Amino acid sequence: MYQQKINEKLEDTDGIQDVQIEWNKIDNVIVEAVKDSLGEKKGKTNEEWFDEECRTARSEKNYMRKIKLQRLTSSSKETYREHRRRANKICLERKRKMPKGQIESVEVDRERTDTRKDFGKDFKPA
């Protein structure tokens, strides 16, 4: 079904004009076919525990990662590691304060990262 939708939508495209334009068309076709076949899954938000302190720590960590990637020095690596540890610690503390039922549902969602399970047994990679 998924492959049929892709084939149908790709038949409508004309000859190759520009590589980037063609890639964008193919990308859009694949995304639309996935949405038609599987539907959209709405992700859960972490509004219950993800507060301003978590947001700030995560932003600092991301900023330090960019610096580390620009300047690969031992001090930039260590600074990034410290910010990563701090951000993880803050977020973990917030998660632990959530009610137990919410934690269990978050853990179940985290364990379901195997995407092949989501497609069912009829999924065959190309």
N, C-alpha and C. Protein backbone atom coordinates (compact mmCIF):
# COMPACT_ATOMS: atom_id res chain seq x y z
N MET A 1 0.83 -1.19 0.00
CA MET A 1 0.00 0.00 0.00
C MET A 1 0.88 1.26 0.00
N TYR A 2 1.89 1.28 0.87
CA TYR A 2 2.80 2.41 0.97
C TYR A 2 3.54 2.62 -0.35
N GLN A 3 4.07 1.53 -0.91
CA GLN A 3 4.81 1.65 -2.17
C GLN A 3 3.89 2.06 -3.32
N GLN A 4 2.66 1.59 -3.31
CA GLN A 4 1.71 1.97 -4.34
C GLN A 4 1.45 3.48 -4.31
N LYS A 5 1.28 4.02 -3.11
CA LYS A 5 1.03 5.46 -2.98
C LYS A 5 2.23 6.26 -3.48
N ILE A 6 3.42 5.81 -3.16
CA ILE A 6 4.62 6.51 -3.64
C ILE A 6 4.69 6.45 -5.15
N ASN A 7 4.48 5.27 -5.73
CA ASN A 7 4.53 5.13 -7.18
C ASN A 7 3.49 6.02 -7.87
N GLU A 8 2.28 6.06 -7.33
CA GLU A 8 1.23 6.89 -7.90
C GLU A 8 1.61 8.37 -7.88
N LYS A 9 2.15 8.81 -6.77
CA LYS A 9 2.49 10.22 -6.64
C LYS A 9 3.72 10.59 -7.46
N LEU A 10 4.64 9.66 -7.63
CA LEU A 10 5.83 9.96 -8.41
C LEU A 10 5.54 9.96 -9.91
N GLU A 11 4.49 9.28 -10.34
CA GLU A 11 4.12 9.29 -11.76
C GLU A 11 3.71 10.68 -12.22
N ASP A 12 3.20 11.47 -11.29
CA ASP A 12 2.73 12.82 -11.63
C ASP A 12 3.88 13.79 -11.89
N THR A 13 5.10 13.45 -11.47
CA THR A 13 6.21 14.39 -11.65
C THR A 13 6.68 14.38 -13.09
N ASP A 14 7.12 15.54 -13.55
CA ASP A 14 7.63 15.68 -14.91
C ASP A 14 9.11 15.30 -14.93
N GLY A 15 9.77 15.58 -16.03
CA GLY A 15 11.19 15.27 -16.17
C GLY A 15 12.03 16.02 -15.16
N ILE A 16 13.26 15.59 -14.99
CA ILE A 16 14.16 16.19 -14.01
C ILE A 16 14.52 17.60 -14.45
N GLN A 17 14.29 18.57 -13.54
CA GLN A 17 14.63 19.95 -13.82
C GLN A 17 15.88 20.34 -13.04
N ASP A 18 15.77 20.30 -11.76
CA ASP A 18 16.88 20.65 -10.87
C ASP A 18 16.94 19.56 -9.80
N VAL A 19 18.14 19.15 -9.44
CA VAL A 19 18.29 18.05 -8.49
C VAL A 19 17.64 18.40 -7.15
N GLN A 20 17.86 19.60 -6.66
CA GLN A 20 17.29 19.98 -5.37
C GLN A 20 15.77 20.02 -5.43
N ILE A 21 15.20 20.53 -6.51
CA ILE A 21 13.74 20.58 -6.66
C ILE A 21 13.19 19.16 -6.71
N GLU A 22 13.85 18.29 -7.48
CA GLU A 22 13.39 16.91 -7.59
C GLU A 22 13.48 16.19 -6.24
N TRP A 23 14.57 16.43 -5.51
CA TRP A 23 14.71 15.79 -4.20
C TRP A 23 13.59 16.25 -3.27
N ASN A 24 13.27 17.54 -3.27
CA ASN A 24 12.19 18.05 -2.43
C ASN A 24 10.86 17.42 -2.80
N LYS A 25 10.61 17.23 -4.10
CA LYS A 25 9.37 16.57 -4.54
C LYS A 25 9.31 15.14 -4.02
N ILE A 26 10.42 14.40 -4.18
CA ILE A 26 10.45 13.01 -3.72
C ILE A 26 10.26 12.95 -2.21
N ASP A 27 10.92 13.83 -1.49
CA ASP A 27 10.80 13.88 -0.03
C ASP A 27 9.35 14.13 0.37
N ASN A 28 8.70 15.09 -0.28
CA ASN A 28 7.29 15.40 0.03
C ASN A 28 6.38 14.23 -0.29
N VAL A 29 6.66 13.53 -1.39
CA VAL A 29 5.84 12.37 -1.78
C VAL A 29 5.95 11.29 -0.72
N ILE A 30 7.17 11.02 -0.26
CA ILE A 30 7.36 9.97 0.76
C ILE A 30 6.66 10.34 2.05
N VAL A 31 6.79 11.58 2.48
CA VAL A 31 6.15 12.01 3.72
C VAL A 31 4.62 11.91 3.61
N GLU A 32 4.07 12.34 2.48
CA GLU A 32 2.62 12.24 2.28
C GLU A 32 2.16 10.79 2.27
N ALA A 33 2.93 9.91 1.61
CA ALA A 33 2.55 8.50 1.55
C ALA A 33 2.58 7.87 2.94
N VAL A 34 3.55 8.23 3.73
CA VAL A 34 3.62 7.70 5.10
C VAL A 34 2.43 8.18 5.91
N LYS A 35 2.10 9.47 5.79
CA LYS A 35 0.96 10.01 6.54
C LYS A 35 -0.35 9.35 6.09
N ASP A 36 -0.50 9.11 4.77
CA ASP A 36 -1.71 8.47 4.27
C ASP A 36 -1.80 7.03 4.75
N SER A 37 -0.67 6.31 4.74
CA SER A 37 -0.67 4.89 5.09
C SER A 37 -0.77 4.67 6.59
N LEU A 38 0.03 5.40 7.36
CA LEU A 38 0.12 5.14 8.78
C LEU A 38 -0.61 6.14 9.64
N GLY A 39 -0.89 7.30 9.09
CA GLY A 39 -1.49 8.36 9.88
C GLY A 39 -0.42 9.09 10.66
N GLU A 40 -0.81 10.17 11.28
CA GLU A 40 0.14 10.95 12.08
C GLU A 40 0.04 10.55 13.53
N LYS A 41 1.20 10.40 14.16
CA LYS A 41 1.24 10.08 15.57
C LYS A 41 1.62 11.34 16.33
N LYS A 42 0.78 11.73 17.23
CA LYS A 42 1.06 12.93 18.00
C LYS A 42 1.94 12.55 19.17
N GLY A 43 3.05 13.23 19.28
CA GLY A 43 3.98 12.98 20.38
C GLY A 43 3.48 13.58 21.67
N LYS A 44 3.92 12.99 22.75
CA LYS A 44 3.56 13.53 24.06
C LYS A 44 4.49 14.67 24.39
N THR A 45 3.95 15.66 25.02
CA THR A 45 4.79 16.76 25.46
C THR A 45 5.20 16.51 26.91
N ASN A 46 6.32 17.06 27.27
CA ASN A 46 6.83 16.86 28.63
C ASN A 46 6.55 18.09 29.48
N GLU A 47 5.38 18.68 29.27
CA GLU A 47 5.05 19.90 29.97
C GLU A 47 4.98 19.73 31.48
N GLU A 48 4.69 18.51 31.93
CA GLU A 48 4.54 18.30 33.36
C GLU A 48 5.84 18.54 34.10
N TRP A 49 6.95 18.12 33.54
CA TRP A 49 8.21 18.22 34.26
C TRP A 49 9.25 19.09 33.57
N PHE A 50 9.12 19.36 32.29
CA PHE A 50 10.13 20.12 31.55
C PHE A 50 9.89 21.61 31.78
N ASP A 51 10.56 22.15 32.81
CA ASP A 51 10.34 23.54 33.19
C ASP A 51 11.44 24.44 32.63
N GLU A 52 11.45 25.68 33.07
CA GLU A 52 12.40 26.68 32.55
C GLU A 52 13.85 26.30 32.87
N GLU A 53 14.08 25.71 34.04
CA GLU A 53 15.45 25.31 34.39
C GLU A 53 15.95 24.21 33.46
N CYS A 54 15.10 23.25 33.14
CA CYS A 54 15.47 22.19 32.18
C CYS A 54 15.74 22.80 30.81
N ARG A 55 14.88 23.70 30.40
CA ARG A 55 15.02 24.34 29.08
C ARG A 55 16.34 25.12 29.00
N THR A 56 16.68 25.85 30.06
CA THR A 56 17.92 26.62 30.08
C THR A 56 19.13 25.70 30.06
N ALA A 57 19.09 24.65 30.87
CA ALA A 57 20.22 23.71 30.92
C ALA A 57 20.40 23.03 29.56
N ARG A 58 19.31 22.66 28.93
CA ARG A 58 19.39 22.01 27.61
C ARG A 58 19.94 22.98 26.56
N SER A 59 19.53 24.24 26.62
CA SER A 59 20.03 25.24 25.68
C SER A 59 21.53 25.46 25.86
N GLU A 60 21.97 25.56 27.12
CA GLU A 60 23.40 25.73 27.38
C GLU A 60 24.19 24.53 26.88
N LYS A 61 23.65 23.35 27.11
CA LYS A 61 24.33 22.13 26.64
C LYS A 61 24.45 22.14 25.12
N ASN A 62 23.39 22.51 24.43
CA ASN A 62 23.42 22.54 22.96
C ASN A 62 24.41 23.59 22.46
N TYR A 63 24.46 24.73 23.13
CA TYR A 63 25.40 25.78 22.75
C TYR A 63 26.84 25.28 22.93
N MET A 64 27.11 24.61 24.04
CA MET A 64 28.46 24.10 24.29
C MET A 64 28.82 23.00 23.30
N ARG A 65 27.84 22.26 22.85
CA ARG A 65 28.10 21.24 21.83
C ARG A 65 28.54 21.89 20.52
N LYS A 66 27.87 22.97 20.15
CA LYS A 66 28.26 23.69 18.94
C LYS A 66 29.69 24.20 19.05
N ILE A 67 30.03 24.74 20.21
CA ILE A 67 31.40 25.24 20.42
C ILE A 67 32.38 24.08 20.34
N LYS A 68 32.03 22.96 20.96
CA LYS A 68 32.92 21.79 20.92
C LYS A 68 33.16 21.33 19.49
N LEU A 69 32.12 21.33 18.67
CA LEU A 69 32.26 20.90 17.29
C LEU A 69 33.09 21.88 16.46
N GLN A 70 33.04 23.15 16.82
CA GLN A 70 33.82 24.16 16.10
C GLN A 70 35.29 24.12 16.50
N ARG A 71 35.54 23.92 17.79
CA ARG A 71 36.91 23.89 18.31
C ARG A 71 37.11 22.59 19.07
N LEU A 72 37.70 21.63 18.44
CA LEU A 72 37.91 20.32 19.07
C LEU A 72 39.14 20.35 19.98
N THR A 73 38.96 20.94 21.14
CA THR A 73 40.03 20.96 22.13
C THR A 73 39.56 20.16 23.34
N SER A 74 40.52 19.77 24.15
CA SER A 74 40.16 18.99 25.33
C SER A 74 39.31 19.83 26.30
N SER A 75 39.59 21.12 26.40
CA SER A 75 38.80 21.95 27.32
C SER A 75 37.37 22.12 26.83
N SER A 76 37.18 22.27 25.50
CA SER A 76 35.81 22.40 24.99
C SER A 76 35.05 21.09 25.15
N LYS A 77 35.73 19.97 24.98
CA LYS A 77 35.08 18.66 25.18
C LYS A 77 34.65 18.50 26.64
N GLU A 78 35.55 18.86 27.56
CA GLU A 78 35.24 18.70 28.98
C GLU A 78 34.11 19.65 29.40
N THR A 79 34.12 20.87 28.88
CA THR A 79 33.07 21.83 29.19
C THR A 79 31.72 21.31 28.70
N TYR A 80 31.71 20.75 27.50
CA TYR A 80 30.47 20.18 26.97
C TYR A 80 30.00 19.03 27.86
N ARG A 81 30.92 18.14 28.24
CA ARG A 81 30.54 17.00 29.10
C ARG A 81 29.93 17.48 30.41
N GLU A 82 30.51 18.53 31.00
CA GLU A 82 29.97 19.06 32.26
C GLU A 82 28.56 19.60 32.06
N HIS A 83 28.34 20.35 30.99
CA HIS A 83 27.00 20.88 30.72
C HIS A 83 26.01 19.76 30.41
N ARG A 84 26.47 18.74 29.71
CA ARG A 84 25.59 17.60 29.40
C ARG A 84 25.20 16.88 30.68
N ARG A 85 26.17 16.63 31.55
CA ARG A 85 25.87 15.97 32.83
C ARG A 85 24.89 16.80 33.65
N ARG A 86 25.12 18.12 33.70
CA ARG A 86 24.25 19.00 34.47
C ARG A 86 22.82 18.98 33.92
N ALA A 87 22.70 19.08 32.59
CA ALA A 87 21.36 19.09 31.97
C ALA A 87 20.66 17.76 32.22
N ASN A 88 21.38 16.67 32.07
CA ASN A 88 20.78 15.35 32.30
C ASN A 88 20.35 15.19 33.76
N LYS A 89 21.17 15.69 34.67
CA LYS A 89 20.84 15.58 36.10
C LYS A 89 19.58 16.38 36.43
N ILE A 90 19.51 17.60 35.92
CA ILE A 90 18.35 18.45 36.19
C ILE A 90 17.08 17.82 35.64
N CYS A 91 17.14 17.36 34.39
CA CYS A 91 15.95 16.76 33.78
C CYS A 91 15.55 15.47 34.48
N LEU A 92 16.54 14.67 34.87
CA LEU A 92 16.23 13.42 35.57
C LEU A 92 15.57 13.69 36.91
N GLU A 93 16.03 14.71 37.62
CA GLU A 93 15.39 15.07 38.90
C GLU A 93 13.93 15.47 38.69
N ARG A 94 13.66 16.22 37.63
CA ARG A 94 12.29 16.64 37.35
C ARG A 94 11.41 15.44 37.00
N LYS A 95 11.95 14.53 36.21
CA LYS A 95 11.18 13.34 35.83
C LYS A 95 10.83 12.51 37.05
N ARG A 96 11.76 12.40 37.97
CA ARG A 96 11.53 11.58 39.15
C ARG A 96 10.43 12.15 40.04
N LYS A 97 10.16 13.43 39.92
CA LYS A 97 9.11 14.04 40.72
C LYS A 97 7.72 13.82 40.13
N MET A 98 7.67 13.30 38.90
CA MET A 98 6.37 13.05 38.27
C MET A 98 5.66 11.91 38.99
N PRO A 99 4.34 11.89 38.95
CA PRO A 99 3.62 10.75 39.52
C PRO A 99 4.03 9.44 38.84
N LYS A 100 3.97 8.38 39.58
CA LYS A 100 4.47 7.09 39.11
C LYS A 100 3.79 6.63 37.81
N GLY A 101 2.51 6.83 37.67
CA GLY A 101 1.80 6.41 36.46
C GLY A 101 2.31 7.11 35.22
N GLN A 102 2.60 8.39 35.35
CA GLN A 102 3.12 9.13 34.21
C GLN A 102 4.51 8.63 33.85
N ILE A 103 5.31 8.32 34.83
CA ILE A 103 6.66 7.81 34.56
C ILE A 103 6.58 6.50 33.80
N GLU A 104 5.68 5.63 34.21
CA GLU A 104 5.56 4.34 33.52
C GLU A 104 5.16 4.52 32.07
N SER A 105 4.25 5.43 31.78
CA SER A 105 3.84 5.63 30.40
C SER A 105 4.98 6.23 29.57
N VAL A 106 5.78 7.11 30.17
CA VAL A 106 6.94 7.68 29.46
C VAL A 106 7.95 6.58 29.17
N GLU A 107 8.19 5.70 30.14
CA GLU A 107 9.15 4.61 29.94
C GLU A 107 8.69 3.66 28.84
N VAL A 108 7.39 3.39 28.78
CA VAL A 108 6.86 2.52 27.73
C VAL A 108 7.09 3.15 26.37
N ASP A 109 6.83 4.44 26.26
CA ASP A 109 7.06 5.15 24.99
C ASP A 109 8.53 5.14 24.61
N ARG A 110 9.41 5.29 25.59
CA ARG A 110 10.84 5.29 25.32
C ARG A 110 11.30 3.92 24.83
N GLU A 111 10.75 2.87 25.42
CA GLU A 111 11.14 1.52 25.03
C GLU A 111 10.64 1.16 23.64
N ARG A 112 9.65 1.86 23.14
CA ARG A 112 9.08 1.57 21.81
C ARG A 112 9.83 2.27 20.69
N THR A 113 11.11 2.46 20.85
CA THR A 113 11.89 3.15 19.82
C THR A 113 12.18 2.26 18.63
N ASP A 114 11.86 0.98 18.70
CA ASP A 114 12.06 0.08 17.57
C ASP A 114 10.96 0.37 16.55
N THR A 115 11.32 1.05 15.47
CA THR A 115 10.32 1.50 14.50
C THR A 115 9.72 0.35 13.72
N ARG A 116 10.41 -0.75 13.61
CA ARG A 116 9.86 -1.89 12.87
C ARG A 116 8.61 -2.43 13.55
N LYS A 117 8.55 -2.34 14.88
CA LYS A 117 7.35 -2.79 15.60
C LYS A 117 6.15 -1.94 15.22
N ASP A 118 6.39 -0.64 14.98
CA ASP A 118 5.30 0.27 14.67
C ASP A 118 4.70 0.00 13.30
N PHE A 119 5.48 -0.55 12.36
CA PHE A 119 4.99 -0.78 11.02
C PHE A 119 4.23 -2.11 10.91
N GLY A 120 4.39 -2.98 11.86
CA GLY A 120 3.70 -4.27 11.83
C GLY A 120 4.54 -5.30 11.10
N LYS A 121 4.02 -6.51 11.02
CA LYS A 121 4.79 -7.61 10.44
C LYS A 121 4.82 -7.56 8.92
N ASP A 122 3.99 -6.75 8.27
CA ASP A 122 3.99 -6.66 6.82
C ASP A 122 5.05 -5.72 6.29
N PHE A 123 5.77 -5.04 7.18
CA PHE A 123 6.78 -4.07 6.76
C PHE A 123 7.99 -4.81 6.17
N LYS A 124 8.34 -4.41 4.95
CA LYS A 124 9.51 -4.98 4.29
C LYS A 124 10.35 -3.82 3.80
N PRO A 125 11.59 -3.69 4.33
CA PRO A 125 12.43 -2.59 3.88
C PRO A 125 12.78 -2.74 2.41
N ALA A 126 12.94 -1.62 1.72
CA ALA A 126 13.24 -1.63 0.29
C ALA A 126 14.65 -2.10 0.01
